[in-house]
N, C-alpha and C. Protein backbone atom coordinates (compact mmCIF):
# COMPACT_ATOMS: atom_id res chain seq x y z
N MET A 1 13.57 23.59 45.32
CA MET A 1 12.49 23.34 44.40
C MET A 1 11.16 23.63 44.98
N LYS A 2 10.33 24.39 44.39
CA LYS A 2 8.98 24.80 44.87
C LYS A 2 8.04 23.59 44.61
N LEU A 3 7.38 23.16 45.67
CA LEU A 3 6.48 22.05 45.43
C LEU A 3 5.12 22.55 44.81
N ARG A 4 4.49 21.71 43.98
CA ARG A 4 3.23 22.05 43.36
C ARG A 4 2.06 21.94 44.34
N LYS A 5 1.24 22.90 44.36
CA LYS A 5 0.05 22.87 45.31
C LYS A 5 -0.87 21.83 44.78
N ILE A 6 -1.28 20.88 45.60
CA ILE A 6 -2.15 19.81 45.09
C ILE A 6 -3.36 19.54 46.01
N SER A 7 -3.38 20.01 47.26
CA SER A 7 -4.52 19.64 48.04
C SER A 7 -4.60 20.61 49.24
N ALA A 8 -5.52 20.33 50.19
CA ALA A 8 -5.73 21.14 51.35
C ALA A 8 -4.55 21.02 52.25
N ALA A 9 -4.53 21.95 53.17
CA ALA A 9 -3.36 21.97 54.13
C ALA A 9 -3.15 20.68 54.90
N PHE A 10 -1.92 20.45 55.17
CA PHE A 10 -1.51 19.17 55.78
C PHE A 10 -2.29 18.81 57.08
N LEU A 11 -2.53 19.84 57.80
CA LEU A 11 -3.29 19.55 59.09
C LEU A 11 -4.82 19.78 59.03
N ALA A 12 -5.29 20.09 57.79
CA ALA A 12 -6.72 20.45 57.69
C ALA A 12 -7.53 19.35 58.16
N SER A 13 -7.27 18.11 57.88
CA SER A 13 -8.18 17.05 58.35
C SER A 13 -8.25 16.90 59.82
N ALA A 14 -7.09 17.11 60.54
CA ALA A 14 -7.15 17.08 62.00
C ALA A 14 -7.89 18.26 62.55
N MET A 15 -7.73 19.39 61.90
CA MET A 15 -8.36 20.64 62.42
C MET A 15 -9.91 20.62 62.25
N LEU A 16 -10.39 19.77 61.34
CA LEU A 16 -11.81 19.71 61.13
C LEU A 16 -12.54 19.07 62.33
N ILE A 17 -11.81 18.40 63.13
CA ILE A 17 -12.54 17.73 64.26
C ILE A 17 -13.17 18.72 65.21
N ILE A 18 -12.42 19.69 65.59
CA ILE A 18 -12.95 20.84 66.42
C ILE A 18 -12.24 22.13 65.91
N PRO A 19 -12.98 23.04 65.29
CA PRO A 19 -12.38 24.22 64.78
C PRO A 19 -11.57 24.94 65.85
N PHE A 20 -10.36 25.32 65.62
CA PHE A 20 -9.49 25.92 66.62
C PHE A 20 -10.11 27.22 67.15
N GLY A 21 -10.78 28.02 66.31
CA GLY A 21 -11.32 29.23 66.75
C GLY A 21 -12.46 29.15 67.73
N SER A 22 -13.05 27.86 67.85
CA SER A 22 -14.19 27.80 68.71
C SER A 22 -13.91 27.02 70.02
N VAL A 23 -12.54 26.83 70.30
CA VAL A 23 -12.22 26.10 71.47
C VAL A 23 -11.56 27.04 72.43
N THR A 24 -11.85 26.92 73.73
CA THR A 24 -11.14 27.69 74.73
C THR A 24 -9.92 26.96 75.20
N ALA A 25 -8.78 27.65 75.30
CA ALA A 25 -7.59 27.04 75.66
C ALA A 25 -7.66 26.50 77.11
N ALA A 26 -6.95 25.43 77.34
CA ALA A 26 -6.95 24.83 78.65
C ALA A 26 -6.14 25.77 79.62
N SER A 27 -6.59 25.79 80.86
CA SER A 27 -5.87 26.65 81.86
C SER A 27 -4.53 25.96 82.22
N ALA A 28 -3.58 26.69 82.51
CA ALA A 28 -2.28 26.18 82.98
C ALA A 28 -2.37 25.77 84.45
N SER A 29 -3.15 24.73 84.73
CA SER A 29 -3.34 24.25 86.03
C SER A 29 -2.23 23.35 86.56
N GLU A 30 -1.52 22.74 85.63
CA GLU A 30 -0.43 21.86 86.03
C GLU A 30 0.86 22.52 85.82
N SER A 31 1.87 22.03 86.58
CA SER A 31 3.21 22.63 86.64
C SER A 31 4.10 21.95 85.59
N ASP A 32 3.59 21.61 84.43
CA ASP A 32 4.34 21.00 83.36
C ASP A 32 5.39 22.00 82.88
N ALA A 33 6.57 21.39 82.48
CA ALA A 33 7.61 22.29 81.91
C ALA A 33 7.19 22.87 80.69
N LYS A 34 7.30 24.25 80.58
CA LYS A 34 6.90 24.92 79.39
C LYS A 34 7.83 24.69 78.27
N GLN A 35 7.32 24.48 77.01
CA GLN A 35 8.11 24.04 75.92
C GLN A 35 7.68 24.74 74.65
N THR A 36 8.56 25.38 73.96
CA THR A 36 8.26 25.92 72.71
C THR A 36 9.17 25.32 71.65
N VAL A 37 8.73 25.49 70.38
CA VAL A 37 9.57 24.89 69.38
C VAL A 37 11.01 25.38 69.25
N THR A 38 11.22 26.63 69.66
CA THR A 38 12.54 27.27 69.56
C THR A 38 13.43 26.68 70.61
N GLU A 39 12.93 26.07 71.66
CA GLU A 39 13.74 25.50 72.73
C GLU A 39 14.14 24.07 72.49
N ILE A 40 13.67 23.44 71.40
CA ILE A 40 13.87 22.05 71.13
C ILE A 40 15.07 21.82 70.21
N LYS A 41 15.93 20.92 70.56
CA LYS A 41 17.05 20.56 69.77
C LYS A 41 16.46 20.01 68.41
N VAL A 42 17.01 20.58 67.32
CA VAL A 42 16.63 20.19 66.00
C VAL A 42 17.71 19.28 65.40
N VAL A 43 17.34 18.12 64.99
CA VAL A 43 18.21 17.16 64.36
C VAL A 43 17.84 16.97 62.91
N PRO A 44 18.80 17.13 61.95
CA PRO A 44 18.39 16.98 60.55
C PRO A 44 17.84 15.58 60.33
N ILE A 45 16.69 15.53 59.62
CA ILE A 45 16.03 14.24 59.47
C ILE A 45 16.40 13.75 58.00
N THR A 46 16.41 12.37 57.93
CA THR A 46 16.68 11.74 56.64
C THR A 46 15.41 10.98 56.16
N GLU A 47 15.35 10.64 54.92
CA GLU A 47 14.19 9.91 54.46
C GLU A 47 13.97 8.63 55.26
N GLU A 48 15.09 7.93 55.54
CA GLU A 48 15.02 6.71 56.30
C GLU A 48 14.30 6.87 57.63
N LYS A 49 14.62 8.01 58.31
CA LYS A 49 13.93 8.25 59.56
C LYS A 49 12.51 8.72 59.47
N LEU A 50 12.13 9.33 58.31
CA LEU A 50 10.80 9.91 58.13
C LEU A 50 9.75 8.89 57.64
N VAL A 51 10.15 8.14 56.60
CA VAL A 51 9.13 7.24 55.98
C VAL A 51 8.58 6.30 56.97
N GLY A 52 7.21 6.27 57.00
CA GLY A 52 6.51 5.35 57.88
C GLY A 52 5.30 6.09 58.46
N ASP A 53 4.74 5.41 59.57
CA ASP A 53 3.50 5.90 60.19
C ASP A 53 3.83 6.77 61.43
N TRP A 54 3.07 7.91 61.54
CA TRP A 54 3.15 8.83 62.66
C TRP A 54 1.75 9.16 63.12
N HIS A 55 1.66 9.63 64.36
CA HIS A 55 0.36 10.11 64.93
C HIS A 55 0.61 11.39 65.69
N ILE A 56 -0.31 12.30 65.70
CA ILE A 56 -0.29 13.49 66.52
C ILE A 56 -0.59 13.12 67.94
N TYR A 57 0.24 13.40 68.87
CA TYR A 57 -0.01 13.06 70.32
C TYR A 57 0.02 14.24 71.24
N LYS A 58 0.44 15.45 70.78
CA LYS A 58 0.55 16.59 71.66
C LYS A 58 0.42 17.88 70.86
N VAL A 59 -0.19 18.82 71.55
CA VAL A 59 -0.31 20.18 70.95
C VAL A 59 0.10 21.12 72.02
N ILE A 60 1.09 22.06 71.69
CA ILE A 60 1.68 22.99 72.62
C ILE A 60 1.41 24.39 72.21
N ASP A 61 0.95 25.26 73.04
CA ASP A 61 0.79 26.69 72.74
C ASP A 61 2.19 27.33 72.68
N LYS A 62 2.53 27.88 71.58
CA LYS A 62 3.91 28.34 71.38
C LYS A 62 4.27 29.52 72.32
N ALA A 63 3.30 30.34 72.57
CA ALA A 63 3.52 31.55 73.37
C ALA A 63 3.74 31.23 74.85
N SER A 64 2.83 30.36 75.46
CA SER A 64 2.83 30.12 76.83
C SER A 64 3.53 28.77 77.19
N GLY A 65 3.61 27.88 76.25
CA GLY A 65 4.14 26.54 76.64
C GLY A 65 3.14 25.65 77.16
N GLU A 66 1.86 26.02 77.22
CA GLU A 66 0.80 25.16 77.79
C GLU A 66 0.49 24.00 76.90
N ASP A 67 0.23 22.85 77.49
CA ASP A 67 -0.24 21.66 76.77
C ASP A 67 -1.71 21.77 76.48
N LEU A 68 -2.08 21.92 75.22
CA LEU A 68 -3.48 22.12 74.83
C LEU A 68 -4.08 20.90 74.17
N THR A 69 -3.40 19.78 74.33
CA THR A 69 -3.78 18.59 73.59
C THR A 69 -5.22 18.25 73.81
N ALA A 70 -5.72 18.22 75.11
CA ALA A 70 -7.03 17.86 75.32
C ALA A 70 -8.05 18.89 74.79
N SER A 71 -7.79 20.11 74.95
CA SER A 71 -8.72 21.14 74.53
C SER A 71 -8.83 21.32 73.01
N LYS A 72 -7.78 20.90 72.33
CA LYS A 72 -7.85 20.93 70.87
C LYS A 72 -8.48 19.75 70.27
N GLY A 73 -8.81 18.74 71.02
CA GLY A 73 -9.58 17.55 70.52
C GLY A 73 -8.89 16.78 69.50
N ILE A 74 -7.61 16.64 69.57
CA ILE A 74 -6.80 15.85 68.60
C ILE A 74 -7.15 14.34 68.66
N TYR A 75 -7.40 13.72 67.52
CA TYR A 75 -7.60 12.30 67.52
C TYR A 75 -6.28 11.59 67.30
N ILE A 76 -5.73 11.02 68.36
CA ILE A 76 -4.39 10.43 68.24
C ILE A 76 -4.44 9.10 67.45
N ASP A 77 -5.61 8.58 67.10
CA ASP A 77 -5.68 7.28 66.48
C ASP A 77 -5.56 7.50 64.93
N TRP A 78 -5.57 8.77 64.53
CA TRP A 78 -5.36 9.02 63.07
C TRP A 78 -3.92 8.79 62.72
N ILE A 79 -3.68 8.12 61.59
CA ILE A 79 -2.34 7.70 61.22
C ILE A 79 -1.96 8.59 60.00
N TYR A 80 -0.79 9.21 60.15
CA TYR A 80 -0.15 9.99 59.05
C TYR A 80 1.00 9.17 58.51
N THR A 81 0.95 8.74 57.32
CA THR A 81 1.99 7.94 56.64
C THR A 81 2.81 8.77 55.68
N PHE A 82 4.02 8.87 55.94
CA PHE A 82 4.99 9.50 55.02
C PHE A 82 5.49 8.37 54.09
N SER A 83 4.99 8.35 52.85
CA SER A 83 5.32 7.29 51.94
C SER A 83 6.62 7.59 51.14
N PRO A 84 7.31 6.50 50.71
CA PRO A 84 8.61 6.69 49.97
C PRO A 84 8.43 7.50 48.70
N ASP A 85 7.19 7.51 48.12
CA ASP A 85 7.00 8.24 46.88
C ASP A 85 6.70 9.70 47.11
N GLY A 86 6.88 10.20 48.32
CA GLY A 86 6.70 11.61 48.62
C GLY A 86 5.26 12.07 48.96
N TRP A 87 4.38 11.15 49.23
CA TRP A 87 3.04 11.54 49.71
C TRP A 87 2.84 11.46 51.13
N VAL A 88 2.01 12.25 51.76
CA VAL A 88 1.46 12.08 53.13
C VAL A 88 0.12 11.50 52.97
N LEU A 89 -0.12 10.33 53.56
CA LEU A 89 -1.46 9.68 53.51
C LEU A 89 -2.04 9.75 54.90
N ILE A 90 -3.30 10.07 55.02
CA ILE A 90 -3.98 10.16 56.30
C ILE A 90 -4.97 9.04 56.37
N ASP A 91 -4.97 8.25 57.47
CA ASP A 91 -5.93 7.24 57.73
C ASP A 91 -6.83 7.72 58.91
N HIS A 92 -8.11 7.96 58.64
CA HIS A 92 -9.00 8.38 59.64
C HIS A 92 -9.70 7.18 60.35
N GLY A 93 -9.25 5.97 59.97
CA GLY A 93 -9.89 4.85 60.55
C GLY A 93 -10.71 4.03 59.54
N SER A 94 -10.79 4.61 58.32
CA SER A 94 -11.60 3.87 57.26
C SER A 94 -10.73 3.84 55.97
N GLY A 95 -9.46 3.77 56.12
CA GLY A 95 -8.58 3.68 54.92
C GLY A 95 -7.77 4.94 54.68
N SER A 96 -6.68 4.89 53.98
CA SER A 96 -5.81 6.03 53.79
C SER A 96 -6.12 6.77 52.54
N SER A 97 -5.95 8.09 52.61
CA SER A 97 -6.18 8.94 51.44
C SER A 97 -5.02 9.89 51.31
N PRO A 98 -4.55 10.24 50.04
CA PRO A 98 -3.45 11.18 49.86
C PRO A 98 -3.81 12.52 50.40
N SER A 99 -2.87 13.20 51.01
CA SER A 99 -3.13 14.54 51.52
C SER A 99 -2.30 15.52 50.84
N VAL A 100 -0.99 15.61 51.09
CA VAL A 100 -0.04 16.48 50.46
C VAL A 100 1.22 15.78 50.11
N LYS A 101 2.05 16.46 49.38
CA LYS A 101 3.43 15.96 49.01
C LYS A 101 4.43 16.52 50.01
N TRP A 102 5.50 15.79 50.19
CA TRP A 102 6.55 16.30 51.14
C TRP A 102 7.91 16.10 50.41
N GLN A 103 8.86 16.84 50.94
CA GLN A 103 10.25 16.65 50.58
C GLN A 103 11.08 17.07 51.73
N ILE A 104 12.39 16.66 51.78
CA ILE A 104 13.27 17.12 52.81
C ILE A 104 14.19 18.18 52.26
N VAL A 105 14.21 19.30 52.88
CA VAL A 105 14.98 20.48 52.51
C VAL A 105 15.81 20.92 53.67
N SER A 106 17.24 20.82 53.50
CA SER A 106 18.04 21.22 54.57
C SER A 106 17.75 20.54 55.86
N GLY A 107 17.40 19.23 55.83
CA GLY A 107 17.18 18.51 57.03
C GLY A 107 15.79 18.73 57.65
N GLU A 108 14.93 19.47 57.01
CA GLU A 108 13.53 19.68 57.49
C GLU A 108 12.50 19.21 56.51
N VAL A 109 11.35 18.82 56.96
CA VAL A 109 10.29 18.33 56.13
C VAL A 109 9.47 19.48 55.66
N VAL A 110 9.33 19.70 54.35
CA VAL A 110 8.57 20.77 53.80
C VAL A 110 7.48 20.13 52.95
N THR A 111 6.18 20.56 53.14
CA THR A 111 5.08 20.13 52.33
C THR A 111 4.67 21.13 51.27
N ASP A 112 3.90 20.65 50.38
CA ASP A 112 3.46 21.58 49.30
C ASP A 112 2.31 22.50 49.66
N SER A 113 1.99 22.43 51.01
CA SER A 113 1.02 23.43 51.52
C SER A 113 1.72 24.39 52.43
N SER A 114 2.98 24.62 52.08
CA SER A 114 3.76 25.66 52.70
C SER A 114 3.95 25.46 54.20
N GLU A 115 4.10 24.25 54.67
CA GLU A 115 4.33 23.94 56.09
C GLU A 115 5.66 23.26 56.26
N THR A 116 6.23 23.45 57.39
CA THR A 116 7.55 22.86 57.68
C THR A 116 7.51 22.11 59.03
N LEU A 117 8.08 20.89 59.01
CA LEU A 117 8.17 20.07 60.23
C LEU A 117 9.68 19.94 60.55
N VAL A 118 9.98 20.07 61.80
CA VAL A 118 11.35 19.85 62.23
C VAL A 118 11.37 18.52 63.10
N TYR A 119 12.58 18.00 63.32
CA TYR A 119 12.78 16.72 64.03
C TYR A 119 13.73 16.92 65.23
N ASP A 120 13.34 16.32 66.31
CA ASP A 120 14.31 16.53 67.48
C ASP A 120 14.93 15.21 67.83
N GLY A 121 14.88 14.22 67.00
CA GLY A 121 15.46 12.89 67.28
C GLY A 121 14.43 11.82 67.63
N THR A 122 13.28 12.35 68.07
CA THR A 122 12.19 11.45 68.42
C THR A 122 10.85 11.89 67.79
N ASP A 123 10.55 13.22 67.93
CA ASP A 123 9.26 13.71 67.42
C ASP A 123 9.44 14.57 66.16
N LEU A 124 8.46 14.59 65.37
CA LEU A 124 8.27 15.60 64.31
C LEU A 124 7.49 16.77 64.93
N ILE A 125 7.89 17.97 64.72
CA ILE A 125 7.28 19.13 65.34
C ILE A 125 6.84 20.09 64.29
N HIS A 126 5.63 20.57 64.32
CA HIS A 126 5.18 21.60 63.37
C HIS A 126 5.92 22.95 63.71
N LYS A 127 6.72 23.32 62.76
CA LYS A 127 7.56 24.51 62.97
C LYS A 127 6.79 25.84 63.01
N GLU A 128 5.92 26.03 62.02
CA GLU A 128 5.07 27.22 62.02
C GLU A 128 3.89 26.97 62.92
N GLY A 129 3.45 28.01 63.64
CA GLY A 129 2.30 27.85 64.53
C GLY A 129 0.98 27.85 63.73
N VAL A 130 0.12 26.79 64.09
CA VAL A 130 -1.23 26.79 63.53
C VAL A 130 -2.10 27.17 64.68
N ASP A 131 -2.79 28.40 64.54
CA ASP A 131 -3.47 28.95 65.65
C ASP A 131 -2.59 29.16 66.86
N GLY A 132 -1.34 29.49 66.61
CA GLY A 132 -0.47 29.70 67.71
C GLY A 132 0.13 28.43 68.36
N CYS A 133 -0.06 27.25 67.76
CA CYS A 133 0.31 26.03 68.38
C CYS A 133 1.32 25.28 67.57
N SER A 134 2.08 24.47 68.29
CA SER A 134 2.97 23.52 67.57
C SER A 134 2.37 22.08 67.85
N PHE A 135 2.34 21.29 66.70
CA PHE A 135 1.81 19.93 66.78
C PHE A 135 3.01 19.04 66.82
N TYR A 136 2.88 17.99 67.64
CA TYR A 136 3.95 16.94 67.82
C TYR A 136 3.41 15.56 67.27
N TRP A 137 4.27 15.05 66.37
CA TRP A 137 3.99 13.71 65.82
C TRP A 137 4.98 12.71 66.43
N ARG A 138 4.52 11.54 66.72
CA ARG A 138 5.43 10.49 67.16
C ARG A 138 5.21 9.17 66.35
N ARG A 139 6.17 8.48 66.04
CA ARG A 139 6.01 7.25 65.30
C ARG A 139 5.07 6.29 66.01
N VAL A 140 4.22 5.67 65.18
CA VAL A 140 3.42 4.61 65.68
C VAL A 140 4.32 3.43 66.03
N VAL A 141 4.22 2.95 67.28
CA VAL A 141 5.06 1.92 67.81
C VAL A 141 4.55 0.56 67.55
N ARG A 142 5.23 -0.26 66.76
CA ARG A 142 4.91 -1.72 66.52
C ARG A 142 6.17 -2.49 66.71
N LEU A 143 6.13 -3.46 67.63
CA LEU A 143 7.33 -4.27 67.93
C LEU A 143 7.67 -5.02 66.62
N GLY A 144 8.92 -5.01 66.28
CA GLY A 144 9.44 -5.70 65.05
C GLY A 144 9.31 -4.82 63.78
N ASP A 145 8.77 -3.64 63.91
CA ASP A 145 8.67 -2.73 62.71
C ASP A 145 9.35 -1.37 62.92
N PRO A 146 10.67 -1.35 63.10
CA PRO A 146 11.36 -0.15 63.31
C PRO A 146 11.24 0.87 62.14
N THR A 147 10.94 0.38 60.90
CA THR A 147 10.84 1.28 59.87
C THR A 147 9.48 2.01 59.87
N GLY A 148 8.51 1.48 60.64
CA GLY A 148 7.17 2.14 60.78
C GLY A 148 6.27 2.07 59.60
N ASP A 149 6.55 1.07 58.70
CA ASP A 149 5.67 1.10 57.46
C ASP A 149 4.53 0.05 57.53
N GLY A 150 4.35 -0.50 58.77
CA GLY A 150 3.26 -1.37 59.04
C GLY A 150 3.52 -2.86 58.60
N ILE A 151 4.69 -3.11 58.10
CA ILE A 151 5.06 -4.51 57.65
C ILE A 151 6.32 -4.97 58.40
N ILE A 152 6.29 -6.17 58.89
CA ILE A 152 7.58 -6.71 59.55
C ILE A 152 8.22 -7.59 58.47
N ASP A 153 9.44 -7.20 58.05
CA ASP A 153 10.10 -7.89 56.96
C ASP A 153 11.60 -7.78 57.12
N ALA A 154 12.30 -8.15 56.03
CA ALA A 154 13.76 -8.17 56.11
C ALA A 154 14.34 -6.71 56.17
N VAL A 155 13.60 -5.75 55.69
CA VAL A 155 13.97 -4.37 55.78
C VAL A 155 14.09 -3.99 57.24
N ASP A 156 13.16 -4.41 58.04
CA ASP A 156 13.19 -4.14 59.48
C ASP A 156 14.41 -4.76 60.17
N ALA A 157 14.71 -6.00 59.77
CA ALA A 157 15.89 -6.66 60.29
C ALA A 157 17.12 -5.93 59.88
N SER A 158 17.23 -5.44 58.73
CA SER A 158 18.35 -4.66 58.26
C SER A 158 18.49 -3.34 59.02
N ARG A 159 17.33 -2.72 59.37
CA ARG A 159 17.37 -1.51 60.18
C ARG A 159 17.91 -1.79 61.52
N VAL A 160 17.52 -2.89 62.14
CA VAL A 160 18.02 -3.29 63.41
C VAL A 160 19.54 -3.46 63.42
N LEU A 161 20.06 -4.13 62.39
CA LEU A 161 21.52 -4.36 62.28
C LEU A 161 22.24 -3.05 62.14
N LYS A 162 21.67 -2.10 61.36
CA LYS A 162 22.31 -0.84 61.16
C LYS A 162 22.34 -0.09 62.51
N SER A 163 21.21 -0.19 63.23
CA SER A 163 21.16 0.49 64.58
C SER A 163 22.21 -0.22 65.49
N TYR A 164 22.28 -1.43 65.50
CA TYR A 164 23.22 -2.20 66.31
C TYR A 164 24.68 -1.73 66.08
N ALA A 165 24.98 -1.55 64.80
CA ALA A 165 26.38 -1.18 64.40
C ALA A 165 26.69 0.23 64.96
N VAL A 166 25.63 1.09 65.04
CA VAL A 166 25.88 2.42 65.58
C VAL A 166 25.96 2.37 67.09
N PHE A 167 25.08 1.68 67.74
CA PHE A 167 25.01 1.70 69.19
C PHE A 167 26.24 0.97 69.78
N SER A 168 26.78 -0.10 69.09
CA SER A 168 27.95 -0.78 69.55
C SER A 168 29.14 0.06 69.67
N THR A 169 29.20 1.19 68.95
CA THR A 169 30.40 2.06 69.02
C THR A 169 30.35 2.93 70.22
N GLY A 170 29.19 3.00 70.86
CA GLY A 170 29.07 3.84 72.11
C GLY A 170 28.92 5.34 71.83
N THR A 171 28.81 5.71 70.56
CA THR A 171 28.62 7.11 70.23
C THR A 171 27.17 7.57 70.36
N GLU A 172 26.27 6.59 70.24
CA GLU A 172 24.82 6.93 70.41
C GLU A 172 24.19 5.80 71.24
N SER A 173 23.04 6.21 71.87
CA SER A 173 22.27 5.21 72.60
C SER A 173 20.89 5.17 72.01
N PRO A 174 20.16 4.00 72.08
CA PRO A 174 18.82 3.89 71.43
C PRO A 174 17.87 4.73 72.24
N THR A 175 16.93 5.30 71.48
CA THR A 175 15.81 6.04 72.12
C THR A 175 14.74 4.97 72.66
N GLU A 176 13.82 5.51 73.47
CA GLU A 176 12.79 4.65 73.91
C GLU A 176 11.92 4.10 72.78
N GLN A 177 11.77 4.85 71.73
CA GLN A 177 11.04 4.40 70.51
C GLN A 177 11.80 3.28 69.88
N GLU A 178 13.13 3.39 69.81
CA GLU A 178 13.83 2.33 69.15
C GLU A 178 13.82 1.04 70.00
N ILE A 179 13.95 1.19 71.26
CA ILE A 179 13.78 0.00 72.14
C ILE A 179 12.46 -0.69 71.92
N ALA A 180 11.38 0.19 71.91
CA ALA A 180 10.04 -0.35 71.80
C ALA A 180 9.79 -1.06 70.50
N THR A 181 10.48 -0.73 69.41
CA THR A 181 10.22 -1.38 68.10
C THR A 181 11.23 -2.45 67.83
N SER A 182 12.45 -2.31 68.38
CA SER A 182 13.59 -3.24 67.92
C SER A 182 14.03 -4.23 68.92
N ASP A 183 13.74 -4.13 70.19
CA ASP A 183 14.24 -5.04 71.19
C ASP A 183 13.25 -6.18 71.29
N ILE A 184 13.42 -7.10 70.39
CA ILE A 184 12.46 -8.20 70.22
C ILE A 184 12.49 -9.18 71.38
N ASN A 185 13.60 -9.52 71.94
CA ASN A 185 13.68 -10.44 73.02
C ASN A 185 13.67 -9.81 74.35
N LYS A 186 13.44 -8.46 74.39
CA LYS A 186 13.19 -7.71 75.67
C LYS A 186 14.28 -7.84 76.67
N ASP A 187 15.55 -7.72 76.15
CA ASP A 187 16.66 -7.76 77.13
C ASP A 187 17.31 -6.40 77.35
N GLY A 188 16.69 -5.35 76.81
CA GLY A 188 17.18 -4.09 76.93
C GLY A 188 18.21 -3.66 75.93
N LEU A 189 18.48 -4.49 74.96
CA LEU A 189 19.53 -4.27 73.93
C LEU A 189 18.96 -4.26 72.60
N ILE A 190 19.57 -3.63 71.62
CA ILE A 190 19.23 -3.85 70.22
C ILE A 190 20.48 -4.45 69.54
N ASP A 191 20.28 -5.68 69.12
CA ASP A 191 21.52 -6.38 68.55
C ASP A 191 21.11 -7.38 67.45
N ALA A 192 22.14 -8.22 67.06
CA ALA A 192 21.90 -9.16 66.01
C ALA A 192 20.81 -10.17 66.35
N VAL A 193 20.65 -10.50 67.63
CA VAL A 193 19.62 -11.42 68.11
C VAL A 193 18.27 -10.93 67.70
N ASP A 194 18.04 -9.64 67.93
CA ASP A 194 16.77 -9.04 67.56
C ASP A 194 16.49 -9.12 66.02
N ALA A 195 17.51 -8.79 65.23
CA ALA A 195 17.39 -8.85 63.85
C ALA A 195 17.11 -10.27 63.37
N SER A 196 17.71 -11.24 63.97
CA SER A 196 17.46 -12.72 63.68
C SER A 196 16.05 -13.06 63.99
N ARG A 197 15.51 -12.58 65.06
CA ARG A 197 14.15 -12.90 65.42
C ARG A 197 13.12 -12.28 64.38
N ILE A 198 13.42 -11.10 63.98
CA ILE A 198 12.56 -10.45 62.94
C ILE A 198 12.61 -11.35 61.69
N LEU A 199 13.75 -11.88 61.27
CA LEU A 199 13.78 -12.69 60.07
C LEU A 199 13.09 -13.98 60.23
N ILE A 200 13.18 -14.55 61.44
CA ILE A 200 12.43 -15.79 61.70
C ILE A 200 10.94 -15.58 61.64
N TYR A 201 10.48 -14.44 62.24
CA TYR A 201 9.07 -14.12 62.21
C TYR A 201 8.60 -13.84 60.78
N TYR A 202 9.43 -13.16 60.00
CA TYR A 202 9.19 -12.84 58.61
C TYR A 202 8.94 -14.10 57.80
N ALA A 203 9.80 -15.05 58.02
CA ALA A 203 9.70 -16.33 57.36
C ALA A 203 8.38 -17.05 57.70
N TYR A 204 8.09 -16.99 59.01
CA TYR A 204 6.74 -17.56 59.44
C TYR A 204 5.59 -16.91 58.83
N ARG A 205 5.59 -15.62 58.76
CA ARG A 205 4.41 -14.98 58.12
C ARG A 205 4.39 -15.22 56.62
N SER A 206 5.59 -15.39 56.02
CA SER A 206 5.60 -15.68 54.62
C SER A 206 5.00 -17.06 54.23
N THR A 207 4.84 -17.87 55.22
CA THR A 207 4.23 -19.22 55.01
C THR A 207 2.83 -19.23 55.60
N ASN A 208 2.20 -17.99 55.54
CA ASN A 208 0.77 -17.86 55.93
C ASN A 208 0.55 -17.98 57.46
N GLY A 209 1.59 -17.76 58.18
CA GLY A 209 1.39 -17.73 59.63
C GLY A 209 0.50 -16.62 60.09
N THR A 210 -0.32 -16.81 61.06
CA THR A 210 -1.26 -15.74 61.51
C THR A 210 -0.97 -15.12 62.85
N ARG A 211 -0.16 -15.69 63.60
CA ARG A 211 0.09 -15.17 64.94
C ARG A 211 0.89 -13.83 64.91
N SER A 212 0.61 -13.01 65.87
CA SER A 212 1.41 -11.76 65.97
C SER A 212 2.87 -12.10 66.39
N LEU A 213 3.72 -11.10 66.26
CA LEU A 213 5.11 -11.42 66.67
C LEU A 213 5.17 -11.73 68.20
N ALA A 214 4.39 -10.99 68.96
CA ALA A 214 4.43 -11.20 70.47
C ALA A 214 3.98 -12.59 70.72
N GLU A 215 2.88 -13.05 70.03
CA GLU A 215 2.30 -14.40 70.30
C GLU A 215 3.35 -15.42 69.82
N TYR A 216 3.99 -15.21 68.72
CA TYR A 216 4.87 -16.20 68.12
C TYR A 216 6.05 -16.50 69.07
N PHE A 217 6.60 -15.40 69.65
CA PHE A 217 7.72 -15.54 70.61
C PHE A 217 7.32 -15.60 71.98
N GLU A 218 6.01 -15.72 72.25
CA GLU A 218 5.46 -15.79 73.59
C GLU A 218 5.93 -14.68 74.57
N LEU A 219 5.91 -13.48 74.03
CA LEU A 219 6.34 -12.34 74.76
C LEU A 219 5.23 -11.74 75.63
N LYS A 220 5.63 -11.26 76.80
CA LYS A 220 4.71 -10.56 77.72
C LYS A 220 4.87 -9.05 77.43
N ILE A 221 3.91 -8.45 76.77
CA ILE A 221 4.01 -7.03 76.54
C ILE A 221 2.93 -6.22 77.22
């Protein structure tokens, strides 16, 4: 299904910070491993994995593999929210505003501004080069919020239990991101204890509790 054109390009707001054409690429002074989007393992993404908050944290030159994050002036504190109703919302620090519509086509994220993002199991990666670069998104990490929607609730507890069911079979292991969001008691595992703690904290917040999850459980983070 062809998406209806509704707004500016998905990356336009980020690109307005420093126009790409006016920036000199960073020199390859470091011996970082060169990485292009074609070398990255692509994992089909689902709506469950996509919906939530992401931020751009890395920009890679597709031809050379150089890390151009600093020279491109990307603001990593901007939040890109993939909402369940198919919108991408961008929060520049003063509230969110709709940007473009998204849908999943053959396991890839396609926007109505003719852009495609692929998923490698951790990052969303801009498939087509913008000014010859690939942009990398990573989920915003909030302890107790594995769904990444900014709210700690029973849905997050359910997500932890689903993850626990998968990891307990030994067929998959949790990613660093999953540990960072779901390992509530900091024992290195994702299990029913973590889900229970999320529900306890959710109940506390539902009675107008104001402490953060880390404060409530007296965690050292």
